[in-house]
C-alpha cells in the first residue's frame, strides 16, 4: 500500500477510540483515548457497546435516511433532480454511478468505521472484570450480531469485500488486510457472528428498558435472511441446505413471537410513535427520542411534501419522499397499505406522490420535526414473507401460500387463491414467486428492503430483463436503459482501487 496516501478503508480501520499506536503516530491526539487505556471498567465496555449502536443511526450507515443506498437503487423511489450536489445522488437511481461518487465513498467508510468499533470492543472485552459473567457474554453476542449485520450490508452491495475481524493498529497491519475477500468467505464470517447471538443468553425479546438492543429473535431472523440470501445468490451447490437452514432459523424467530396472529396487529400500529416500544411485531429497531435535537427522528419531516401536514408539524418545502409511479401502480385497489404509505400532493410545485408511512404530527415533535419514529430493521411481516419465500423454493407452495395469506389478511386483501381468479392480478403476477415479490414490495415499501429482494428473486440477467421491461414513463428522468449486469454491485470506491489495484480490484463494468 502506498504509505503517503491512505485509502478510506485504511482510515476507517485506524479511527475510533483513538486506537493508533505510536509506531504509527509520534504524537498522541489529546482529544482521543487509546483503546488500551479506555477499557478499564465494566461501564467502559457498556459505553463502547453503546458507541457501536450509535454508528447504526447514521444516514451514511443503515439509519432511517440511508435510503439513497437501497430504495433509490430499486424501482420504488428516486429523484428527478440531476443537478444538486454535482448530480451525485441522482447517479444511484439513474444507474450511472461512478467509482468517484463521494456519497458512495462515505457509505463504505461509515460501514467500516462501525465494524472497527465492533472489533475494538471484541478485542478488549477480556481486559475488564464483570460482576456477572453473563454480561460479558451478552455484550459479545450483541456486537458480533452487529458486525455480521454490517458485513451483510457490505457483501450484498459490493460482493467481495475486505474482511477484518480484529483491531488494526499499525499501517503495516492495515496494508496486509486491505484486500477483497471472496464473498463466500465473508458469508462464513457473517454466519459465525450471528450464530453466536442465537446461542447466547440474550433474551428472546428485549424488555422496554432494552429496546434497540439485539435480542435472540433478532439473531434468528437475521440468520434466516442470511441463509436465504446465500441460497439464492451464491453457488447452487449448497442451495437446498441453505434453504433448510433459513427455514429452521426463521421458524425459531416465528415460534418465539408474543402475539397470536399478524392480523391482530393493525398495520398502522407498527409505525405509530405512541406504540413503538410495545408493538410485538417489531423485532429490532434503532430507537429515537422525540423532541431531542440529537437523537430524534427526521424522516417524517424529510418525506413531507410542500403544502402537506400529514407527516409532521414542520412545513415541507419540496417534493417529500419521492415515490415512483411504477410502485404507485403496483398497489391493488383497496389496499389499506397504499392509503397509509403514500399520498398525492397537489401543491403546484409538487403534484406527485410522496411517502407518508413514517409520521409524527405530535406536539412533542413540534415545528422542528424532532420526531419519535424508531427505525425498524427487522419485523415479523418480513419473517413471515421470508418463510413463504423459502417454501416456494423448496417446492411447498401450499405452505408458502399460507404464510403469504397471513400478510394479505392483515392488509384486508383477498387470499391468494381468490386473487388468482382475477385476470388483472394473474396477468401482473403469473407465478406465486412474483406474487410474493409483489407482496413484499407493498408491505415493506420504503423500509430499505426492495433492492435486496430484487437481488434474491432474480439472477442478474433476469433482473436486467425485469427492470428494462418497465415503462420509462413511470420513472421520470432516471433512465432504465442504463441498468445492466454491472448494477448487481456498486463500484469499489475510487480511492480503494487506485491505491491497491490488485487487492482492491474493481467490479465488472466500472
Protein backbone atom coordinates (compact mmCIF):
# COMPACT_ATOMS: atom_id res chain seq x y z
CA UNK A 1 0.00 0.00 0.00
CA UNK A 2 1.17 3.49 -0.76
CA UNK A 3 2.17 4.93 2.63
CA UNK A 4 1.87 8.54 1.61
CA UNK A 5 -1.87 8.41 0.98
CA UNK A 6 -4.36 6.35 2.90
CA UNK A 7 -7.48 4.83 1.38
CA UNK A 8 -10.77 5.47 3.11
CA UNK A 9 -10.76 1.88 4.32
CA UNK A 10 -7.35 2.40 5.88
CA UNK A 11 -8.56 5.48 7.66
CA UNK A 12 -11.68 3.77 8.94
CA UNK A 13 -9.66 0.88 10.33
CA UNK A 14 -7.37 3.27 12.20
CA UNK A 15 -10.17 5.51 13.52
CA UNK A 16 -12.33 5.16 16.62
CA UNK A 17 -11.48 5.47 20.30
CA UNK A 18 -8.08 6.83 19.34
CA UNK A 19 -6.65 3.37 18.78
CA UNK A 20 -3.47 4.46 16.99
CA UNK A 21 -0.09 3.11 18.01
CA UNK A 22 2.93 5.39 18.49
CA UNK A 23 4.73 3.35 15.87
CA UNK A 24 2.25 4.98 13.51
CA UNK A 25 1.99 8.45 15.04
CA UNK A 26 4.66 10.07 17.14
CA UNK A 27 2.19 12.41 18.82
CA UNK A 28 -0.95 11.47 20.74
CA UNK A 29 -4.30 13.03 19.97
CA UNK A 30 -5.27 14.92 23.15
CA UNK A 31 -8.96 14.53 22.23
CA UNK A 32 -8.83 10.73 21.85
CA UNK A 33 -8.40 7.95 24.39
CA UNK A 34 -6.36 4.97 23.15
CA UNK A 35 -8.37 1.75 23.39
CA UNK A 36 -5.62 0.17 25.52
CA UNK A 37 -6.32 2.82 28.17
CA UNK A 38 -10.07 3.29 27.65
CA UNK A 39 -11.24 -0.18 28.70
CA UNK A 40 -10.84 -0.16 32.48
CA UNK A 41 -14.28 -0.93 33.92
CA UNK A 42 -17.47 -2.74 33.03
CA UNK A 43 -19.10 0.64 32.44
CA UNK A 44 -16.41 1.49 29.89
CA UNK A 45 -17.41 -1.60 27.92
CA UNK A 46 -21.06 -0.59 28.15
CA UNK A 47 -20.22 2.85 26.76
CA UNK A 48 -18.21 1.29 23.93
CA UNK A 49 -21.08 -1.06 23.05
CA UNK A 50 -23.44 1.92 23.00
CA UNK A 51 -20.99 3.56 20.63
CA UNK A 52 -21.37 0.60 18.28
CA UNK A 53 -25.14 1.03 18.28
CA UNK A 54 -24.70 4.75 17.72
CA UNK A 55 -23.00 4.11 14.39
CA UNK A 56 -26.11 2.37 13.08
CA UNK A 57 -28.09 5.61 13.33
CA UNK A 58 -26.21 7.46 10.63
CA UNK A 59 -27.75 8.15 7.23
CA UNK A 60 -24.37 7.05 5.87
CA UNK A 61 -24.73 3.64 7.52
CA UNK A 62 -28.16 1.99 7.91
CA UNK A 63 -30.26 4.68 9.60
CA UNK A 64 -33.67 5.91 8.54
CA UNK A 65 -32.28 8.34 5.96
CA UNK A 66 -29.98 5.83 4.26
CA UNK A 67 -32.49 5.02 1.52
CA UNK A 68 -30.16 6.52 -1.08
CA UNK A 69 -28.13 3.30 -0.93
CA UNK A 70 -31.08 0.91 -1.09
CA UNK A 71 -34.53 2.19 -2.09
CA UNK A 72 -33.16 4.66 -4.63
CA UNK A 73 -31.20 1.79 -6.13
CA UNK A 74 -34.50 -0.01 -6.72
CA UNK A 75 -37.73 0.74 -8.58
CA UNK A 76 -39.52 2.22 -5.53
CA UNK A 77 -38.03 5.68 -5.07
CA UNK A 78 -35.73 8.09 -6.83
CA UNK A 79 -35.32 11.70 -7.80
CA UNK A 80 -35.67 13.79 -10.94
CA UNK A 81 -33.10 16.37 -9.82
CA UNK A 82 -29.91 15.52 -11.68
CA UNK A 83 -28.12 18.75 -10.78
CA UNK A 84 -28.00 19.08 -6.98
CA UNK A 85 -24.76 18.11 -5.23
CA UNK A 86 -22.96 17.73 -8.55
CA UNK A 87 -25.61 15.22 -9.61
CA UNK A 88 -24.09 12.52 -7.40
CA UNK A 89 -27.29 11.42 -5.58
CA UNK A 90 -29.06 11.11 -8.93
CA UNK A 91 -26.46 8.59 -10.10
CA UNK A 92 -27.91 5.94 -7.77
CA UNK A 93 -31.36 5.54 -9.30
CA UNK A 94 -30.11 6.51 -12.77
CA UNK A 95 -27.75 3.50 -12.64
CA UNK A 96 -24.90 5.73 -13.73
CA UNK A 97 -22.91 5.69 -10.50
CA UNK A 98 -19.19 6.37 -10.73
CA UNK A 99 -16.41 4.96 -8.53
CA UNK A 100 -15.59 8.56 -7.60
CA UNK A 101 -19.08 9.19 -6.15
CA UNK A 102 -18.48 10.81 -2.76
CA UNK A 103 -21.78 9.59 -1.27
CA UNK A 104 -20.82 6.00 -2.05
CA UNK A 105 -17.39 6.63 -0.56
CA UNK A 106 -18.93 7.89 2.69
CA UNK A 107 -21.23 4.89 2.89
CA UNK A 108 -18.30 2.48 2.55
CA UNK A 109 -16.29 4.44 5.10
CA UNK A 110 -19.08 4.54 7.67
CA UNK A 111 -19.78 0.83 7.41
CA UNK A 112 -16.12 0.06 8.02
CA UNK A 113 -15.87 2.59 10.83
CA UNK A 114 -18.76 0.81 12.52
CA UNK A 115 -17.01 -2.55 12.02
CA UNK A 116 -13.86 -1.05 13.52
CA UNK A 117 -15.86 -0.12 16.62
CA UNK A 118 -17.10 -3.71 16.83
CA UNK A 119 -13.57 -5.11 16.57
CA UNK A 120 -12.29 -2.75 19.24
CA UNK A 121 -14.95 -3.86 21.70
CA UNK A 122 -14.46 -7.54 20.96
CA UNK A 123 -10.67 -7.33 21.30
CA UNK A 124 -10.89 -5.58 24.68
CA UNK A 125 -13.70 -7.44 26.43
CA UNK A 126 -11.28 -9.64 28.34
CA UNK A 127 -9.42 -6.70 29.87
CA UNK A 128 -12.28 -5.91 32.24
CA UNK A 129 -13.80 -7.68 35.24
CA UNK A 130 -17.58 -8.20 35.28
CA UNK A 131 -19.93 -8.54 38.23
CA UNK A 132 -21.86 -11.13 36.22
CA UNK A 133 -20.05 -13.22 33.54
CA UNK A 134 -23.29 -13.26 31.54
CA UNK A 135 -22.91 -9.54 30.96
CA UNK A 136 -19.69 -10.03 29.05
CA UNK A 137 -21.19 -12.88 27.01
CA UNK A 138 -24.19 -10.77 26.08
CA UNK A 139 -22.05 -7.80 25.06
CA UNK A 140 -20.03 -10.11 22.85
CA UNK A 141 -23.19 -11.57 21.28
CA UNK A 142 -24.67 -8.12 20.61
CA UNK A 143 -21.52 -6.76 18.99
CA UNK A 144 -20.95 -9.86 16.87
CA UNK A 145 -24.54 -9.64 15.66
CA UNK A 146 -23.97 -6.03 14.63
CA UNK A 147 -20.68 -6.87 12.91
CA UNK A 148 -22.44 -9.64 10.99
CA UNK A 149 -25.27 -7.26 10.11
CA UNK A 150 -22.79 -4.69 8.78
CA UNK A 151 -20.89 -7.21 6.69
CA UNK A 152 -24.24 -8.41 5.34
CA UNK A 153 -24.77 -4.86 4.08
CA UNK A 154 -21.33 -4.76 2.51
CA UNK A 155 -21.34 -8.15 0.80
CA UNK A 156 -24.74 -7.59 -0.82
CA UNK A 157 -23.74 -4.15 -2.11
CA UNK A 158 -20.15 -4.80 -3.23
CA UNK A 159 -19.69 -8.58 -3.42
CA UNK A 160 -16.12 -9.43 -2.42
CA UNK A 161 -15.01 -7.01 0.34
CA UNK A 162 -12.15 -6.69 2.85
CA UNK A 163 -12.84 -8.92 5.85
CA UNK A 164 -11.33 -7.59 9.09
CA UNK A 165 -12.24 -9.16 12.42
CA UNK A 166 -9.68 -7.64 14.79
CA UNK A 167 -8.19 -4.27 15.67
CA UNK A 168 -5.61 -2.98 13.21
CA UNK A 169 -3.30 -0.53 14.96
CA UNK A 170 -0.35 -0.26 12.59
CA UNK A 171 -0.18 0.83 8.98
CA UNK A 172 1.57 -2.44 8.17
CA UNK A 173 -1.40 -4.37 9.58
CA UNK A 174 -3.81 -2.30 7.54
CA UNK A 175 -1.79 -2.89 4.37
CA UNK A 176 -1.78 -6.64 4.97
CA UNK A 177 -5.56 -6.70 5.40
CA UNK A 178 -6.64 -4.31 2.65
CA UNK A 179 -7.74 -6.77 0.00
CA UNK A 180 -11.07 -8.10 -1.15
CA UNK A 181 -12.04 -11.43 0.38
CA UNK A 182 -14.30 -13.69 -1.67
CA UNK A 183 -17.95 -13.19 -0.81
CA UNK A 184 -18.34 -16.84 0.21
CA UNK A 185 -15.74 -16.30 2.94
CA UNK A 186 -17.48 -13.12 4.06
CA UNK A 187 -20.75 -15.02 4.39
CA UNK A 188 -18.99 -17.66 6.51
CA UNK A 189 -17.97 -14.92 8.93
CA UNK A 190 -21.46 -13.40 8.96
CA UNK A 191 -22.97 -16.77 9.81
CA UNK A 192 -20.41 -17.40 12.57
CA UNK A 193 -21.05 -13.97 14.12
CA UNK A 194 -24.83 -14.16 14.07
CA UNK A 195 -24.96 -17.81 15.17
CA UNK A 196 -23.13 -16.79 18.34
CA UNK A 197 -26.01 -14.44 19.14
CA UNK A 198 -28.59 -17.22 18.56
CA UNK A 199 -26.74 -19.42 21.07
CA UNK A 200 -26.30 -16.66 23.64
CA UNK A 201 -28.14 -15.84 26.85
CA UNK A 202 -29.73 -12.79 25.26
CA UNK A 203 -33.49 -12.58 25.91
CA UNK A 204 -35.86 -13.71 23.16
CA UNK A 205 -37.27 -10.17 23.17
CA UNK A 206 -35.72 -7.15 24.81
CA UNK A 207 -37.74 -5.58 27.64
CA UNK A 208 -38.84 -1.97 27.41
CA UNK A 209 -35.58 -0.83 29.03
CA UNK A 210 -33.57 -2.67 26.38
CA UNK A 211 -35.41 -1.62 23.24
CA UNK A 212 -32.98 -1.09 20.40
CA UNK A 213 -30.62 -3.79 21.64
CA UNK A 214 -30.13 -7.13 19.93
CA UNK A 215 -32.37 -9.99 21.02
CA UNK A 216 -32.24 -13.70 20.31
CA UNK A 217 -35.25 -13.41 17.98
CA UNK A 218 -33.42 -10.70 16.02
CA UNK A 219 -30.47 -13.07 15.65
CA UNK A 220 -32.65 -15.94 14.39
CA UNK A 221 -34.44 -13.62 11.96
CA UNK A 222 -31.21 -12.17 10.59
CA UNK A 223 -29.57 -15.57 10.31
CA UNK A 224 -32.59 -16.84 8.40
CA UNK A 225 -32.31 -13.93 5.99
CA UNK A 226 -28.57 -14.54 5.56
CA UNK A 227 -29.09 -18.23 4.71
CA UNK A 228 -31.93 -17.32 2.33
CA UNK A 229 -29.67 -14.83 0.56
CA UNK A 230 -26.85 -17.37 0.36
CA UNK A 231 -29.25 -19.94 -1.13
CA UNK A 232 -30.43 -17.57 -3.83
CA UNK A 233 -27.27 -15.63 -4.71
CA UNK A 234 -24.32 -17.99 -4.21
CA UNK A 235 -23.35 -21.20 -5.99
CA UNK A 236 -26.31 -23.58 -6.28
CA UNK A 237 -24.37 -26.50 -4.77
CA UNK A 238 -25.48 -25.64 -1.23
CA UNK A 239 -28.85 -24.16 -2.20
CA UNK A 240 -31.09 -26.78 -0.60
CA UNK A 241 -29.02 -26.97 2.57
CA UNK A 242 -29.07 -23.19 2.94
CA UNK A 243 -32.82 -23.05 2.29
CA UNK A 244 -33.44 -25.58 5.06
CA UNK A 245 -31.17 -23.62 7.41
CA UNK A 246 -33.09 -20.48 6.51
CA UNK A 247 -36.36 -22.27 7.26
CA UNK A 248 -35.09 -23.55 10.62
CA UNK A 249 -33.90 -20.14 11.82
CA UNK A 250 -36.91 -18.22 10.55
CA UNK A 251 -39.18 -20.71 12.31
CA UNK A 252 -37.19 -20.21 15.51
CA UNK A 253 -37.92 -16.49 15.23
CA UNK A 254 -41.57 -17.01 14.28
CA UNK A 255 -42.28 -19.50 17.07
CA UNK A 256 -40.93 -17.06 19.64
CA UNK A 257 -43.46 -14.36 18.71
CA UNK A 258 -45.54 -12.94 21.56
CA UNK A 259 -48.72 -12.40 19.53
CA UNK A 260 -51.13 -14.97 18.13
CA UNK A 261 -51.79 -13.81 14.57
CA UNK A 262 -50.40 -10.98 12.47
CA UNK A 263 -53.91 -9.73 11.69
CA UNK A 264 -54.29 -8.86 15.39
CA UNK A 265 -51.73 -6.07 14.94
CA UNK A 266 -53.12 -3.22 12.78
CA UNK A 267 -50.69 -2.18 10.04
CA UNK A 268 -50.73 1.46 11.14
CA UNK A 269 -49.82 0.44 14.69
CA UNK A 270 -46.43 -0.82 13.52
CA UNK A 271 -45.44 2.77 12.71
CA UNK A 272 -47.36 4.51 15.49
CA UNK A 273 -44.95 6.60 17.55
CA UNK A 274 -47.02 6.04 20.70
CA UNK A 275 -46.90 2.24 20.33
CA UNK A 276 -43.39 1.67 19.03
CA UNK A 277 -41.97 0.38 22.31
CA UNK A 278 -44.69 -2.18 22.97
CA UNK A 279 -45.65 -3.30 19.46
CA UNK A 280 -44.98 -7.06 19.33
CA UNK A 281 -44.32 -7.11 15.58
CA UNK A 282 -41.11 -5.08 15.84
CA UNK A 283 -38.05 -7.30 16.34
CA UNK A 284 -35.09 -4.92 16.03
CA UNK A 285 -35.11 -1.15 15.76
CA UNK A 286 -32.96 1.96 16.03
CA UNK A 287 -34.50 3.91 18.89
CA UNK A 288 -35.11 7.65 18.52
CA UNK A 289 -36.18 10.16 21.15
CA UNK A 290 -38.96 12.54 20.33
CA UNK A 291 -38.08 16.21 20.82
CA UNK A 292 -34.36 15.53 21.21
CA UNK A 293 -32.32 17.63 18.79
CA UNK A 294 -29.57 15.00 18.61
CA UNK A 295 -31.41 11.69 18.88
CA UNK A 296 -34.80 12.37 17.32
CA UNK A 297 -36.13 11.09 14.02
CA UNK A 298 -36.27 13.39 10.99
CA UNK A 299 -37.85 11.04 8.46
CA UNK A 300 -41.41 12.30 8.96
CA UNK A 301 -40.40 15.87 8.17
CA UNK A 302 -37.93 14.87 5.47
CA UNK A 303 -40.52 12.93 3.50
CA UNK A 304 -43.32 15.51 3.75
CA UNK A 305 -44.21 17.32 0.54
CA UNK A 306 -44.80 21.04 0.22
CA UNK A 307 -48.30 22.07 1.26
CA UNK A 308 -48.92 18.90 3.30
CA UNK A 309 -49.38 18.36 7.04
CA UNK A 310 -49.91 14.59 7.32
CA UNK A 311 -46.36 13.68 8.37
CA UNK A 312 -45.08 16.48 10.58
CA UNK A 313 -45.82 19.90 12.03
CA UNK A 314 -42.69 21.07 10.22
CA UNK A 315 -43.76 22.54 6.87
CA UNK A 316 -42.47 20.69 3.82
CA UNK A 317 -40.57 22.69 1.24
CA UNK A 318 -40.02 20.20 -1.59
CA UNK A 319 -41.43 17.05 -3.14
CA UNK A 320 -41.02 14.99 0.03
CA UNK A 321 -40.03 11.34 -0.24
CA UNK A 322 -40.22 10.63 -3.95
CA UNK A 323 -42.30 7.61 -5.00
CA UNK A 324 -42.04 6.12 -8.49
CA UNK A 325 -45.26 5.80 -10.44
CA UNK A 326 -44.19 2.20 -11.01
CA UNK A 327 -44.75 1.50 -7.30
CA UNK A 328 -47.97 3.51 -7.14
CA UNK A 329 -49.44 1.37 -9.93
CA UNK A 330 -48.43 -1.86 -8.18
CA UNK A 331 -50.75 -1.35 -5.21
CA UNK A 332 -54.02 -3.26 -5.51
CA UNK A 333 -57.22 -1.26 -5.43
CA UNK A 334 -58.39 -1.02 -1.83
CA UNK A 335 -55.06 -1.95 -0.25
CA UNK A 336 -55.01 -0.09 3.07
CA UNK A 337 -51.21 -0.06 2.93
CA UNK A 338 -51.35 2.29 -0.05
CA UNK A 339 -53.50 4.82 1.78
CA UNK A 340 -51.23 4.67 4.80
CA UNK A 341 -47.88 4.69 2.98
CA UNK A 342 -48.28 7.26 0.18
CA UNK A 343 -50.36 10.30 -0.72
CA UNK A 344 -50.70 12.56 -3.75
CA UNK A 345 -49.51 16.12 -3.05
CA UNK A 346 -51.49 18.62 -5.06
CA UNK A 347 -49.27 21.65 -4.47
CA UNK A 348 -48.46 23.46 -7.68
CA UNK A 349 -44.76 22.85 -7.13
CA UNK A 350 -45.21 19.13 -6.48
CA UNK A 351 -48.23 17.31 -7.93
CA UNK A 352 -46.79 13.91 -7.22
CA UNK A 353 -46.93 11.08 -4.69
CA UNK A 354 -44.82 11.29 -1.54
CA UNK A 355 -44.11 8.96 1.41
CA UNK A 356 -46.46 9.14 4.41
CA UNK A 357 -45.55 5.86 6.11
CA UNK A 358 -43.47 7.47 8.85
CA UNK A 359 -45.48 10.10 10.69
CA UNK A 360 -45.21 12.20 13.81
CA UNK A 361 -47.52 15.20 13.95
CA UNK A 362 -47.47 15.40 17.74
CA UNK A 363 -46.67 18.49 19.74
CA UNK A 364 -43.68 16.60 21.15
CA UNK A 365 -42.04 16.57 17.73
CA UNK A 366 -43.02 20.21 17.23
CA UNK A 367 -42.47 22.52 14.28
CA UNK A 368 -38.83 21.49 14.07
CA UNK A 369 -39.82 17.93 13.18
CA UNK A 370 -37.89 16.24 16.00
CA UNK A 371 -39.90 13.04 15.63
CA UNK A 372 -40.11 9.94 17.75
CA UNK A 373 -40.23 7.32 14.99
CA UNK A 374 -37.97 4.36 15.60
CA UNK A 375 -36.28 2.95 12.50
CA UNK A 376 -37.36 -0.67 12.09
CA UNK A 377 -34.66 -3.04 10.84
CA UNK A 378 -36.50 -6.34 11.39
CA UNK A 379 -40.19 -7.10 11.92
CA UNK A 380 -42.41 -10.15 11.82
CA UNK A 381 -44.15 -9.46 8.50
CA UNK A 382 -40.70 -9.69 6.91
CA UNK A 383 -40.07 -13.02 8.69
CA UNK A 384 -43.44 -14.40 7.59
CA UNK A 385 -42.88 -13.42 3.97
CA UNK A 386 -39.39 -14.94 4.05
CA UNK A 387 -40.93 -18.18 5.32
CA UNK A 388 -43.27 -18.05 2.34
CA UNK A 389 -40.29 -17.44 0.05
CA UNK A 390 -38.34 -20.38 1.47
CA UNK A 391 -41.29 -22.73 0.95
CA UNK A 392 -41.69 -21.55 -2.64
CA UNK A 393 -38.07 -22.50 -3.35
CA UNK A 394 -38.46 -25.82 -1.51
CA UNK A 395 -41.47 -26.67 -3.68
CA UNK A 396 -44.09 -26.49 -0.92
CA UNK A 397 -46.47 -23.97 -2.45
CA UNK A 398 -49.37 -24.80 -0.12
CA UNK A 399 -47.38 -23.76 2.96
CA UNK A 400 -45.94 -20.75 1.10
CA UNK A 401 -49.47 -19.55 0.34
CA UNK A 402 -50.48 -19.98 3.99
CA UNK A 403 -47.77 -17.55 5.07
CA UNK A 404 -48.48 -15.18 2.19
CA UNK A 405 -52.15 -15.04 3.15
CA UNK A 406 -51.27 -14.07 6.73
CA UNK A 407 -49.84 -10.80 5.47
CA UNK A 408 -52.62 -10.24 2.93
CA UNK A 409 -55.31 -10.81 5.55
CA UNK A 410 -53.82 -8.14 7.81
CA UNK A 411 -53.96 -5.73 4.85
CA UNK A 412 -57.63 -6.61 4.26
CA UNK A 413 -56.83 -8.20 0.90
CA UNK A 414 -58.43 -11.34 -0.56
CA UNK A 415 -56.48 -14.56 -0.22
CA UNK A 416 -54.09 -15.61 -2.97
CA UNK A 417 -56.41 -18.31 -4.33
CA UNK A 418 -59.16 -15.76 -4.90
CA UNK A 419 -56.79 -13.21 -6.45
CA UNK A 420 -55.54 -15.78 -8.96
CA UNK A 421 -59.06 -15.82 -10.40
CA UNK A 422 -58.82 -12.10 -11.21
CA UNK A 423 -57.36 -11.54 -14.67
CA UNK A 424 -55.51 -8.32 -13.85
CA UNK A 425 -53.73 -9.85 -10.85
CA UNK A 426 -52.97 -13.07 -12.71
CA UNK A 427 -51.52 -11.14 -15.64
CA UNK A 428 -49.29 -8.94 -13.47
CA UNK A 429 -48.17 -11.77 -11.18
CA UNK A 430 -48.43 -15.02 -13.16
CA UNK A 431 -46.44 -17.10 -10.65
CA UNK A 432 -46.55 -17.48 -6.89
CA UNK A 433 -42.97 -16.22 -6.73
CA UNK A 434 -43.90 -12.96 -8.47
CA UNK A 435 -47.00 -12.61 -6.28
CA UNK A 436 -44.76 -12.94 -3.24
CA UNK A 437 -42.31 -10.36 -4.57
CA UNK A 438 -45.29 -8.05 -5.08
CA UNK A 439 -46.46 -8.62 -1.51
CA UNK A 440 -43.04 -7.83 -0.10
CA UNK A 441 -42.92 -4.67 -2.17
CA UNK A 442 -46.17 -3.18 -0.89
CA UNK A 443 -45.83 -4.49 2.68
CA UNK A 444 -42.24 -3.32 3.23
CA UNK A 445 -42.18 -0.27 0.97
CA UNK A 446 -39.57 2.36 1.93
CA UNK A 447 -38.10 0.13 4.66
CA UNK A 448 -34.89 -0.37 2.65
CA UNK A 449 -35.74 -3.95 1.67
CA UNK A 450 -36.71 -3.75 -2.01
CA UNK A 451 -33.26 -3.71 -3.63
CA UNK A 452 -32.12 -6.75 -1.67
CA UNK A 453 -35.38 -8.53 -2.54
CA UNK A 454 -34.74 -7.98 -6.24
CA UNK A 455 -31.25 -9.44 -5.92
CA UNK A 456 -32.66 -12.54 -4.19
CA UNK A 457 -35.59 -13.15 -6.51
CA UNK A 458 -33.70 -12.81 -9.80
CA UNK A 459 -30.37 -13.70 -11.31
CA UNK A 460 -28.64 -10.58 -12.57
CA UNK A 461 -29.59 -11.38 -16.18
CA UNK A 462 -33.22 -11.88 -15.14
CA UNK A 463 -33.12 -8.63 -13.20
CA UNK A 464 -31.86 -6.72 -16.23
CA UNK A 465 -34.81 -8.06 -18.23
CA UNK A 466 -37.23 -7.28 -15.39
CA UNK A 467 -36.06 -3.69 -14.95
CA UNK A 468 -35.84 -2.88 -18.64
CA UNK A 469 -39.33 -4.24 -19.26
CA UNK A 470 -40.81 -1.50 -17.09
CA UNK A 471 -42.24 1.71 -18.54
CA UNK A 472 -39.75 4.56 -18.69
CA UNK A 473 -42.65 6.97 -18.23
CA UNK A 474 -43.10 5.64 -14.70
CA UNK A 475 -39.53 6.53 -13.68
CA UNK A 476 -39.18 10.19 -14.62
CA UNK A 477 -35.70 11.42 -15.51
CA UNK A 478 -33.81 8.33 -14.33
CA UNK A 479 -33.00 6.12 -17.33
CA UNK A 480 -33.93 2.45 -17.05
CA UNK A 481 -31.88 1.76 -20.16
CA UNK A 482 -28.76 2.35 -18.04
CA UNK A 483 -29.47 -0.73 -15.94
CA UNK A 484 -27.16 -3.61 -16.77
CA UNK A 485 -25.31 -6.57 -15.30
CA UNK A 486 -22.78 -4.22 -13.71
CA UNK A 487 -25.52 -2.99 -11.37
CA UNK A 488 -25.54 -6.20 -9.38
CA UNK A 489 -22.90 -4.47 -7.27
CA UNK A 490 -21.66 -0.98 -6.56
CA UNK A 491 -18.25 0.04 -7.82
CA UNK A 492 -15.36 -0.16 -5.38
CA UNK A 493 -14.67 3.45 -4.34
CA UNK A 494 -12.02 5.10 -6.49
CA UNK A 495 -9.54 5.67 -3.64
CA UNK A 496 -9.56 1.99 -2.67
CA UNK A 497 -8.97 0.75 -6.19
CA UNK A 498 -6.32 3.33 -7.06
CA UNK A 499 -4.14 2.69 -4.04
CA UNK A 500 -4.30 -1.09 -4.29
CA UNK A 501 -5.45 -2.07 -7.83
CA UNK A 502 -4.60 -5.73 -7.34
CA UNK A 503 -6.04 -6.37 -3.91
CA UNK A 504 -8.96 -3.96 -4.32
CA UNK A 505 -9.85 -4.93 -7.90
CA UNK A 506 -12.76 -3.11 -9.46
CA UNK A 507 -16.16 -4.71 -10.03
CA UNK A 508 -17.03 -5.52 -13.63
CA UNK A 509 -18.46 -2.75 -15.75
CA UNK A 510 -16.93 0.19 -13.84
